[in-house]
Amino acid sequence: MHARMRDQLNTEITRKQFLQYLAGAVLMVLGLENLISLLTGGKFERRIVYVNQPGANADGFGTRRFGV
């Protein structure tokens, strides 16, 4: 396995391939949602409901002990 990994690391790639790999790594780090919000200038809001809040719906997954 080490020899195979070493062979892959030693193979030459073109500039286009390098930029494609770099773009893929950036997408994985930033996340697609963050990239879209960055490009559109909008902001995605995630609604987090805690069980202890008044009026919260306590029927969802993870609201009871052991998540059932």
PDB file of N, CA and C in Angstrom:
ATOM      1  N   MET A   1       0.820  -1.195   0.000  1.00  0.00           N
ATOM      2  CA  MET A   1       0.000   0.000   0.000  1.00  0.00           C
ATOM      3  C   MET A   1       0.864   1.258   0.000  1.00  0.00           C
ATOM      4  N   HIS A   2       1.946   1.230   0.744  1.00  0.00           N
ATOM      5  CA  HIS A   2       2.815   2.399   0.792  1.00  0.00           C
ATOM      6  C   HIS A   2       3.460   2.681  -0.554  1.00  0.00           C
ATOM      7  N   ALA A   3       3.832   1.615  -1.261  1.00  0.00           N
ATOM      8  CA  ALA A   3       4.450   1.799  -2.566  1.00  0.00           C
ATOM      9  C   ALA A   3       3.449   2.395  -3.547  1.00  0.00           C
ATOM     10  N   ARG A   4       2.211   1.952  -3.471  1.00  0.00           N
ATOM     11  CA  ARG A   4       1.171   2.488  -4.363  1.00  0.00           C
ATOM     12  C   ARG A   4       0.913   3.964  -4.073  1.00  0.00           C
ATOM     13  N   MET A   5       0.866   4.315  -2.797  1.00  0.00           N
ATOM     14  CA  MET A   5       0.650   5.707  -2.423  1.00  0.00           C
ATOM     15  C   MET A   5       1.843   6.569  -2.855  1.00  0.00           C
ATOM     16  N   ARG A   6       3.037   6.036  -2.692  1.00  0.00           N
ATOM     17  CA  ARG A   6       4.235   6.763  -3.093  1.00  0.00           C
ATOM     18  C   ARG A   6       4.254   6.977  -4.610  1.00  0.00           C
ATOM     19  N   ASP A   7       3.811   5.969  -5.365  1.00  0.00           N
ATOM     20  CA  ASP A   7       3.741   6.101  -6.820  1.00  0.00           C
ATOM     21  C   ASP A   7       2.741   7.182  -7.235  1.00  0.00           C
ATOM     22  N   GLN A   8       1.596   7.211  -6.554  1.00  0.00           N
ATOM     23  CA  GLN A   8       0.596   8.228  -6.874  1.00  0.00           C
ATOM     24  C   GLN A   8       1.091   9.628  -6.536  1.00  0.00           C
ATOM     25  N   LEU A   9       1.819   9.764  -5.444  1.00  0.00           N
ATOM     26  CA  LEU A   9       2.344  11.079  -5.062  1.00  0.00           C
ATOM     27  C   LEU A   9       3.468  11.538  -5.988  1.00  0.00           C
ATOM     28  N   ASN A  10       4.167  10.585  -6.590  1.00  0.00           N
ATOM     29  CA  ASN A  10       5.272  10.936  -7.470  1.00  0.00           C
ATOM     30  C   ASN A  10       4.868  11.135  -8.924  1.00  0.00           C
ATOM     31  N   THR A  11       3.629  10.840  -9.278  1.00  0.00           N
ATOM     32  CA  THR A  11       3.210  11.027 -10.660  1.00  0.00           C
ATOM     33  C   THR A  11       3.048  12.523 -10.946  1.00  0.00           C
ATOM     34  N   GLU A  12       3.434  12.911 -12.137  1.00  0.00           N
ATOM     35  CA  GLU A  12       3.322  14.310 -12.531  1.00  0.00           C
ATOM     36  C   GLU A  12       1.904  14.581 -13.024  1.00  0.00           C
ATOM     37  N   ILE A  13       1.409  15.755 -12.700  1.00  0.00           N
ATOM     38  CA  ILE A  13       0.089  16.165 -13.154  1.00  0.00           C
ATOM     39  C   ILE A  13       0.222  17.495 -13.872  1.00  0.00           C
ATOM     40  N   THR A  14      -0.750  17.778 -14.717  1.00  0.00           N
ATOM     41  CA  THR A  14      -0.736  19.034 -15.449  1.00  0.00           C
ATOM     42  C   THR A  14      -1.245  20.159 -14.555  1.00  0.00           C
ATOM     43  N   ARG A  15      -1.050  21.375 -14.993  1.00  0.00           N
ATOM     44  CA  ARG A  15      -1.522  22.531 -14.245  1.00  0.00           C
ATOM     45  C   ARG A  15      -3.043  22.511 -14.117  1.00  0.00           C
ATOM     46  N   LYS A  16      -3.721  22.076 -15.178  1.00  0.00           N
ATOM     47  CA  LYS A  16      -5.180  21.998 -15.148  1.00  0.00           C
ATOM     48  C   LYS A  16      -5.646  20.991 -14.099  1.00  0.00           C
ATOM     49  N   GLN A  17      -5.008  19.828 -14.043  1.00  0.00           N
ATOM     50  CA  GLN A  17      -5.367  18.833 -13.041  1.00  0.00           C
ATOM     51  C   GLN A  17      -5.111  19.349 -11.632  1.00  0.00           C
ATOM     52  N   PHE A  18      -3.996  20.045 -11.446  1.00  0.00           N
ATOM     53  CA  PHE A  18      -3.682  20.602 -10.132  1.00  0.00           C
ATOM     54  C   PHE A  18      -4.753  21.599  -9.696  1.00  0.00           C
ATOM     55  N   LEU A  19      -5.159  22.462 -10.608  1.00  0.00           N
ATOM     56  CA  LEU A  19      -6.188  23.444 -10.265  1.00  0.00           C
ATOM     57  C   LEU A  19      -7.528  22.776  -9.982  1.00  0.00           C
ATOM     58  N   GLN A  20      -7.838  21.686 -10.686  1.00  0.00           N
ATOM     59  CA  GLN A  20      -9.068  20.948 -10.405  1.00  0.00           C
ATOM     60  C   GLN A  20      -9.021  20.320  -9.019  1.00  0.00           C
ATOM     61  N   TYR A  21      -7.902  19.728  -8.659  1.00  0.00           N
ATOM     62  CA  TYR A  21      -7.766  19.141  -7.326  1.00  0.00           C
ATOM     63  C   TYR A  21      -7.831  20.220  -6.251  1.00  0.00           C
ATOM     64  N   LEU A  22      -7.210  21.361  -6.527  1.00  0.00           N
ATOM     65  CA  LEU A  22      -7.221  22.467  -5.574  1.00  0.00           C
ATOM     66  C   LEU A  22      -8.637  22.996  -5.378  1.00  0.00           C
ATOM     67  N   ALA A  23      -9.391  23.136  -6.472  1.00  0.00           N
ATOM     68  CA  ALA A  23     -10.770  23.606  -6.377  1.00  0.00           C
ATOM     69  C   ALA A  23     -11.625  22.600  -5.597  1.00  0.00           C
ATOM     70  N   GLY A  24     -11.409  21.329  -5.803  1.00  0.00           N
ATOM     71  CA  GLY A  24     -12.137  20.306  -5.055  1.00  0.00           C
ATOM     72  C   GLY A  24     -11.822  20.353  -3.570  1.00  0.00           C
ATOM     73  N   ALA A  25     -10.570  20.576  -3.236  1.00  0.00           N
ATOM     74  CA  ALA A  25     -10.184  20.671  -1.827  1.00  0.00           C
ATOM     75  C   ALA A  25     -10.801  21.903  -1.175  1.00  0.00           C
ATOM     76  N   VAL A  26     -10.830  23.007  -1.905  1.00  0.00           N
ATOM     77  CA  VAL A  26     -11.434  24.233  -1.368  1.00  0.00           C
ATOM     78  C   VAL A  26     -12.928  24.026  -1.139  1.00  0.00           C
ATOM     79  N   LEU A  27     -13.597  23.356  -2.082  1.00  0.00           N
ATOM     80  CA  LEU A  27     -15.022  23.080  -1.909  1.00  0.00           C
ATOM     81  C   LEU A  27     -15.277  22.203  -0.689  1.00  0.00           C
ATOM     82  N   MET A  28     -14.424  21.243  -0.470  1.00  0.00           N
ATOM     83  CA  MET A  28     -14.619  20.386   0.695  1.00  0.00           C
ATOM     84  C   MET A  28     -14.418  21.175   1.985  1.00  0.00           C
ATOM     85  N   VAL A  29     -13.464  22.088   2.001  1.00  0.00           N
ATOM     86  CA  VAL A  29     -13.188  22.848   3.219  1.00  0.00           C
ATOM     87  C   VAL A  29     -14.283  23.861   3.480  1.00  0.00           C
ATOM     88  N   LEU A  30     -14.637  24.608   2.497  1.00  0.00           N
ATOM     89  CA  LEU A  30     -15.630  25.664   2.694  1.00  0.00           C
ATOM     90  C   LEU A  30     -17.045  25.130   2.773  1.00  0.00           C
ATOM     91  N   GLY A  31     -17.300  24.106   2.044  1.00  0.00           N
ATOM     92  CA  GLY A  31     -18.655  23.580   1.979  1.00  0.00           C
ATOM     93  C   GLY A  31     -19.424  24.289   0.880  1.00  0.00           C
ATOM     94  N   LEU A  32     -20.274  23.563   0.239  1.00  0.00           N
ATOM     95  CA  LEU A  32     -21.031  24.104  -0.877  1.00  0.00           C
ATOM     96  C   LEU A  32     -21.981  25.209  -0.433  1.00  0.00           C
ATOM     97  N   GLU A  33     -22.557  25.057   0.731  1.00  0.00           N
ATOM     98  CA  GLU A  33     -23.501  26.068   1.226  1.00  0.00           C
ATOM     99  C   GLU A  33     -22.802  27.405   1.460  1.00  0.00           C
ATOM    100  N   ASN A  34     -21.626  27.358   2.046  1.00  0.00           N
ATOM    101  CA  ASN A  34     -20.888  28.593   2.283  1.00  0.00           C
ATOM    102  C   ASN A  34     -20.443  29.235   0.977  1.00  0.00           C
ATOM    103  N   LEU A  35     -20.085  28.423  -0.002  1.00  0.00           N
ATOM    104  CA  LEU A  35     -19.675  28.959  -1.289  1.00  0.00           C
ATOM    105  C   LEU A  35     -20.830  29.666  -1.977  1.00  0.00           C
ATOM    106  N   ILE A  36     -22.014  29.057  -1.943  1.00  0.00           N
ATOM    107  CA  ILE A  36     -23.185  29.680  -2.562  1.00  0.00           C
ATOM    108  C   ILE A  36     -23.519  30.984  -1.871  1.00  0.00           C
ATOM    109  N   SER A  37     -23.488  31.000  -0.559  1.00  0.00           N
ATOM    110  CA  SER A  37     -23.800  32.242   0.158  1.00  0.00           C
ATOM    111  C   SER A  37     -22.746  33.305  -0.123  1.00  0.00           C
ATOM    112  N   LEU A  38     -21.506  32.906  -0.324  1.00  0.00           N
ATOM    113  CA  LEU A  38     -20.453  33.863  -0.649  1.00  0.00           C
ATOM    114  C   LEU A  38     -20.670  34.462  -2.038  1.00  0.00           C
ATOM    115  N   LEU A  39     -21.048  33.622  -3.003  1.00  0.00           N
ATOM    116  CA  LEU A  39     -21.238  34.098  -4.367  1.00  0.00           C
ATOM    117  C   LEU A  39     -22.507  34.929  -4.536  1.00  0.00           C
ATOM    118  N   THR A  40     -23.565  34.561  -3.835  1.00  0.00           N
ATOM    119  CA  THR A  40     -24.825  35.281  -3.990  1.00  0.00           C
ATOM    120  C   THR A  40     -24.944  36.470  -3.053  1.00  0.00           C
ATOM    121  N   GLY A  41     -24.103  36.544  -2.061  1.00  0.00           N
ATOM    122  CA  GLY A  41     -24.183  37.644  -1.102  1.00  0.00           C
ATOM    123  C   GLY A  41     -25.298  37.446  -0.100  1.00  0.00           C
ATOM    124  N   GLY A  42     -26.030  36.364  -0.211  1.00  0.00           N
ATOM    125  CA  GLY A  42     -27.115  36.065   0.714  1.00  0.00           C
ATOM    126  C   GLY A  42     -26.601  35.332   1.931  1.00  0.00           C
ATOM    127  N   LYS A  43     -27.489  35.127   2.854  1.00  0.00           N
ATOM    128  CA  LYS A  43     -27.110  34.413   4.056  1.00  0.00           C
ATOM    129  C   LYS A  43     -28.137  33.325   4.326  1.00  0.00           C
ATOM    130  N   PHE A  44     -27.659  32.083   4.400  1.00  0.00           N
ATOM    131  CA  PHE A  44     -28.539  30.979   4.741  1.00  0.00           C
ATOM    132  C   PHE A  44     -28.677  30.945   6.248  1.00  0.00           C
ATOM    133  N   GLU A  45     -29.904  30.864   6.702  1.00  0.00           N
ATOM    134  CA  GLU A  45     -30.137  30.803   8.135  1.00  0.00           C
ATOM    135  C   GLU A  45     -30.583  29.399   8.499  1.00  0.00           C
ATOM    136  N   ARG A  46     -29.906  28.839   9.443  1.00  0.00           N
ATOM    137  CA  ARG A  46     -30.304  27.536   9.947  1.00  0.00           C
ATOM    138  C   ARG A  46     -31.090  27.764  11.219  1.00  0.00           C
ATOM    139  N   ARG A  47     -32.202  27.135  11.282  1.00  0.00           N
ATOM    140  CA  ARG A  47     -33.059  27.296  12.447  1.00  0.00           C
ATOM    141  C   ARG A  47     -32.808  26.142  13.401  1.00  0.00           C
ATOM    142  N   ILE A  48     -32.274  26.458  14.544  1.00  0.00           N
ATOM    143  CA  ILE A  48     -32.005  25.460  15.563  1.00  0.00           C
ATOM    144  C   ILE A  48     -33.027  25.634  16.666  1.00  0.00           C
ATOM    145  N   VAL A  49     -33.769  24.577  16.937  1.00  0.00           N
ATOM    146  CA  VAL A  49     -34.793  24.621  17.978  1.00  0.00           C
ATOM    147  C   VAL A  49     -34.310  23.775  19.142  1.00  0.00           C
ATOM    148  N   TYR A  50     -34.213  24.384  20.273  1.00  0.00           N
ATOM    149  CA  TYR A  50     -33.828  23.671  21.479  1.00  0.00           C
ATOM    150  C   TYR A  50     -35.083  23.248  22.228  1.00  0.00           C
ATOM    151  N   VAL A  51     -35.032  22.100  22.861  1.00  0.00           N
ATOM    152  CA  VAL A  51     -36.195  21.548  23.544  1.00  0.00           C
ATOM    153  C   VAL A  51     -36.598  22.429  24.721  1.00  0.00           C
ATOM    154  N   ASN A  52     -35.641  23.065  25.359  1.00  0.00           N
ATOM    155  CA  ASN A  52     -35.938  23.843  26.552  1.00  0.00           C
ATOM    156  C   ASN A  52     -36.610  25.177  26.240  1.00  0.00           C
ATOM    157  N   GLN A  53     -36.658  25.573  24.974  1.00  0.00           N
ATOM    158  CA  GLN A  53     -37.279  26.834  24.626  1.00  0.00           C
ATOM    159  C   GLN A  53     -38.789  26.706  24.721  1.00  0.00           C
ATOM    160  N   PRO A  54     -39.456  27.761  25.187  1.00  0.00           N
ATOM    161  CA  PRO A  54     -40.912  27.712  25.222  1.00  0.00           C
ATOM    162  C   PRO A  54     -41.487  27.635  23.817  1.00  0.00           C
ATOM    163  N   GLY A  55     -42.443  26.764  23.606  1.00  0.00           N
ATOM    164  CA  GLY A  55     -43.082  26.618  22.310  1.00  0.00           C
ATOM    165  C   GLY A  55     -42.316  25.742  21.340  1.00  0.00           C
ATOM    166  N   ALA A  56     -41.247  25.102  21.795  1.00  0.00           N
ATOM    167  CA  ALA A  56     -40.457  24.252  20.908  1.00  0.00           C
ATOM    168  C   ALA A  56     -41.170  22.928  20.688  1.00  0.00           C
ATOM    169  N   ASN A  57     -41.023  22.393  19.489  1.00  0.00           N
ATOM    170  CA  ASN A  57     -41.612  21.106  19.163  1.00  0.00           C
ATOM    171  C   ASN A  57     -40.689  20.016  19.700  1.00  0.00           C
ATOM    172  N   ALA A  58     -41.168  19.202  20.605  1.00  0.00           N
ATOM    173  CA  ALA A  58     -40.332  18.199  21.258  1.00  0.00           C
ATOM    174  C   ALA A  58     -40.548  16.807  20.679  1.00  0.00           C
ATOM    175  N   ASP A  59     -40.970  16.701  19.427  1.00  0.00           N
ATOM    176  CA  ASP A  59     -41.243  15.393  18.836  1.00  0.00           C
ATOM    177  C   ASP A  59     -40.175  14.934  17.850  1.00  0.00           C
ATOM    178  N   GLY A  60     -39.136  15.716  17.584  1.00  0.00           N
ATOM    179  CA  GLY A  60     -38.150  15.380  16.569  1.00  0.00           C
ATOM    180  C   GLY A  60     -37.100  14.414  17.066  1.00  0.00           C
ATOM    181  N   PHE A  61     -36.272  13.961  16.145  1.00  0.00           N
ATOM    182  CA  PHE A  61     -35.180  13.046  16.469  1.00  0.00           C
ATOM    183  C   PHE A  61     -34.171  13.765  17.348  1.00  0.00           C
ATOM    184  N   GLY A  62     -33.743  13.119  18.393  1.00  0.00           N
ATOM    185  CA  GLY A  62     -32.744  13.685  19.267  1.00  0.00           C
ATOM    186  C   GLY A  62     -33.311  14.531  20.387  1.00  0.00           C
ATOM    187  N   THR A  63     -34.619  14.640  20.483  1.00  0.00           N
ATOM    188  CA  THR A  63     -35.205  15.469  21.530  1.00  0.00           C
ATOM    189  C   THR A  63     -35.379  14.708  22.831  1.00  0.00           C
ATOM    190  N   ARG A  64     -35.375  13.401  22.756  1.00  0.00           N
ATOM    191  CA  ARG A  64     -35.498  12.593  23.967  1.00  0.00           C
ATOM    192  C   ARG A  64     -34.146  11.991  24.306  1.00  0.00           C
ATOM    193  N   ARG A  65     -34.083  11.420  25.468  1.00  0.00           N
ATOM    194  CA  ARG A  65     -32.862  10.767  25.888  1.00  0.00           C
ATOM    195  C   ARG A  65     -32.545   9.625  24.926  1.00  0.00           C
ATOM    196  N   PHE A  66     -31.349   9.453  24.505  1.00  0.00           N
ATOM    197  CA  PHE A  66     -30.869   8.457  23.546  1.00  0.00           C
ATOM    198  C   PHE A  66     -31.360   8.725  22.128  1.00  0.00           C
ATOM    199  N   GLY A  67     -31.925   9.880  21.842  1.00  0.00           N
ATOM    200  CA  GLY A  67     -32.264  10.277  20.485  1.00  0.00           C
ATOM    201  C   GLY A  67     -33.393   9.535  19.825  1.00  0.00           C
ATOM    202  N   VAL A  68     -34.236   8.831  20.588  1.00  0.00           N
ATOM    203  CA  VAL A  68     -35.337   8.080  19.974  1.00  0.00           C
ATOM    204  C   VAL A  68     -36.644   8.766  20.244  1.00  0.00           C
TER     205      VAL A  68
END
